[in-house]
């Protein structure tokens, strides 16, 4: 089984769907048993989603960005409420 350090080192590859089948299975096994690493991965996904919502060009409308950020934060809040 992977150590927590190994999971942290491979977290970006997991989120970016760059892991092979064997590595993916090892990660999923570890995350099923380690709630700390599972929380870490969820936080990384939230961070990715929030940074993706930030406009990269000045012409993007701020209302759209605000709506996406609000939706992401609502999902995060709902996850905390259900214990995920």
C-alpha atoms as a PDB file:
ATOM      1  CA  UNK A   1       0.000   0.000   0.000  1.00  0.00           C
ATOM      2  CA  UNK A   2       1.121   3.542  -0.693  1.00  0.00           C
ATOM      3  CA  UNK A   3       2.290   5.759   2.134  1.00  0.00           C
ATOM      4  CA  UNK A   4       0.671   9.146   2.768  1.00  0.00           C
ATOM      5  CA  UNK A   5       3.800  10.799   1.378  1.00  0.00           C
ATOM      6  CA  UNK A   6       3.488   8.811  -1.855  1.00  0.00           C
ATOM      7  CA  UNK A   7      -0.173   9.774  -2.142  1.00  0.00           C
ATOM      8  CA  UNK A   8       0.733  13.444  -1.714  1.00  0.00           C
ATOM      9  CA  UNK A   9       3.434  13.123  -4.372  1.00  0.00           C
ATOM     10  CA  UNK A  10       0.969  11.577  -6.852  1.00  0.00           C
ATOM     11  CA  UNK A  11      -2.032  13.750  -5.968  1.00  0.00           C
ATOM     12  CA  UNK A  12      -1.747  16.033  -8.984  1.00  0.00           C
ATOM     13  CA  UNK A  13      -1.439  13.071 -11.347  1.00  0.00           C
ATOM     14  CA  UNK A  14      -4.572  11.566  -9.791  1.00  0.00           C
ATOM     15  CA  UNK A  15      -6.559  14.777 -10.153  1.00  0.00           C
ATOM     16  CA  UNK A  16      -5.335  15.287 -13.722  1.00  0.00           C
ATOM     17  CA  UNK A  17      -6.212  11.652 -14.562  1.00  0.00           C
ATOM     18  CA  UNK A  18      -2.641  10.825 -15.521  1.00  0.00           C
ATOM     19  CA  UNK A  19      -2.228   7.631 -13.487  1.00  0.00           C
ATOM     20  CA  UNK A  20      -2.138   4.160 -14.963  1.00  0.00           C
ATOM     21  CA  UNK A  21      -4.613   1.534 -13.821  1.00  0.00           C
ATOM     22  CA  UNK A  22      -2.328  -0.035 -11.193  1.00  0.00           C
ATOM     23  CA  UNK A  23      -1.363   3.339  -9.672  1.00  0.00           C
ATOM     24  CA  UNK A  24      -4.979   4.443  -9.700  1.00  0.00           C
ATOM     25  CA  UNK A  25      -6.041   1.305  -7.839  1.00  0.00           C
ATOM     26  CA  UNK A  26      -3.289   1.828  -5.249  1.00  0.00           C
ATOM     27  CA  UNK A  27      -4.398   5.427  -4.735  1.00  0.00           C
ATOM     28  CA  UNK A  28      -8.051   4.466  -4.390  1.00  0.00           C
ATOM     29  CA  UNK A  29      -7.202   1.765  -1.868  1.00  0.00           C
ATOM     30  CA  UNK A  30      -5.195   4.197   0.235  1.00  0.00           C
ATOM     31  CA  UNK A  31      -7.878   6.906   0.023  1.00  0.00           C
ATOM     32  CA  UNK A  32     -10.549   4.408   1.093  1.00  0.00           C
ATOM     33  CA  UNK A  33      -8.612   3.706   4.279  1.00  0.00           C
ATOM     34  CA  UNK A  34      -7.003   7.103   5.016  1.00  0.00           C
ATOM     35  CA  UNK A  35      -9.449   9.904   5.703  1.00  0.00           C
ATOM     36  CA  UNK A  36      -6.637  12.462   6.014  1.00  0.00           C
ATOM     37  CA  UNK A  37      -5.391  11.803   2.486  1.00  0.00           C
ATOM     38  CA  UNK A  38      -8.962  11.650   1.206  1.00  0.00           C
ATOM     39  CA  UNK A  39      -9.589  15.128   2.650  1.00  0.00           C
ATOM     40  CA  UNK A  40      -6.319  16.364   1.129  1.00  0.00           C
ATOM     41  CA  UNK A  41      -7.319  15.157  -2.343  1.00  0.00           C
ATOM     42  CA  UNK A  42     -10.762  16.750  -2.010  1.00  0.00           C
ATOM     43  CA  UNK A  43      -9.132  20.044  -0.991  1.00  0.00           C
ATOM     44  CA  UNK A  44      -6.825  19.871  -3.999  1.00  0.00           C
ATOM     45  CA  UNK A  45      -9.791  19.290  -6.307  1.00  0.00           C
ATOM     46  CA  UNK A  46     -11.614  22.254  -4.789  1.00  0.00           C
ATOM     47  CA  UNK A  47      -8.532  24.416  -5.235  1.00  0.00           C
ATOM     48  CA  UNK A  48      -8.263  23.316  -8.880  1.00  0.00           C
ATOM     49  CA  UNK A  49     -11.939  24.087  -9.470  1.00  0.00           C
ATOM     50  CA  UNK A  50     -11.693  27.509  -7.841  1.00  0.00           C
ATOM     51  CA  UNK A  51      -8.574  28.498  -9.755  1.00  0.00           C
ATOM     52  CA  UNK A  52     -10.170  27.316 -13.002  1.00  0.00           C
ATOM     53  CA  UNK A  53     -13.084  29.673 -12.307  1.00  0.00           C
ATOM     54  CA  UNK A  54     -10.801  32.722 -12.176  1.00  0.00           C
ATOM     55  CA  UNK A  55     -10.896  34.615 -15.459  1.00  0.00           C
ATOM     56  CA  UNK A  56      -7.817  34.404 -17.633  1.00  0.00           C
ATOM     57  CA  UNK A  57      -8.842  37.310 -19.822  1.00  0.00           C
ATOM     58  CA  UNK A  58     -10.139  40.745 -18.927  1.00  0.00           C
ATOM     59  CA  UNK A  59     -13.149  40.385 -21.208  1.00  0.00           C
ATOM     60  CA  UNK A  60     -14.721  37.530 -19.213  1.00  0.00           C
ATOM     61  CA  UNK A  61     -17.775  38.693 -17.317  1.00  0.00           C
ATOM     62  CA  UNK A  62     -17.354  38.828 -13.570  1.00  0.00           C
ATOM     63  CA  UNK A  63     -20.962  37.719 -12.959  1.00  0.00           C
ATOM     64  CA  UNK A  64     -20.247  34.390 -14.645  1.00  0.00           C
ATOM     65  CA  UNK A  65     -17.101  33.930 -12.583  1.00  0.00           C
ATOM     66  CA  UNK A  66     -18.900  34.839  -9.376  1.00  0.00           C
ATOM     67  CA  UNK A  67     -21.628  32.333 -10.219  1.00  0.00           C
ATOM     68  CA  UNK A  68     -19.135  29.531 -10.834  1.00  0.00           C
ATOM     69  CA  UNK A  69     -17.259  30.291  -7.627  1.00  0.00           C
ATOM     70  CA  UNK A  70     -20.514  30.370  -5.673  1.00  0.00           C
ATOM     71  CA  UNK A  71     -21.530  27.000  -7.145  1.00  0.00           C
ATOM     72  CA  UNK A  72     -18.172  25.440  -6.256  1.00  0.00           C
ATOM     73  CA  UNK A  73     -18.312  26.788  -2.705  1.00  0.00           C
ATOM     74  CA  UNK A  74     -21.879  25.486  -2.340  1.00  0.00           C
ATOM     75  CA  UNK A  75     -20.726  22.028  -3.417  1.00  0.00           C
ATOM     76  CA  UNK A  76     -17.904  22.198  -0.906  1.00  0.00           C
ATOM     77  CA  UNK A  77     -20.305  23.266   1.828  1.00  0.00           C
ATOM     78  CA  UNK A  78     -22.754  20.495   0.932  1.00  0.00           C
ATOM     79  CA  UNK A  79     -19.901  17.969   1.112  1.00  0.00           C
ATOM     80  CA  UNK A  80     -19.024  19.117   4.628  1.00  0.00           C
ATOM     81  CA  UNK A  81     -22.654  18.826   5.685  1.00  0.00           C
ATOM     82  CA  UNK A  82     -22.901  15.226   4.467  1.00  0.00           C
ATOM     83  CA  UNK A  83     -19.514  14.227   5.825  1.00  0.00           C
ATOM     84  CA  UNK A  84     -17.817  13.622   2.444  1.00  0.00           C
END
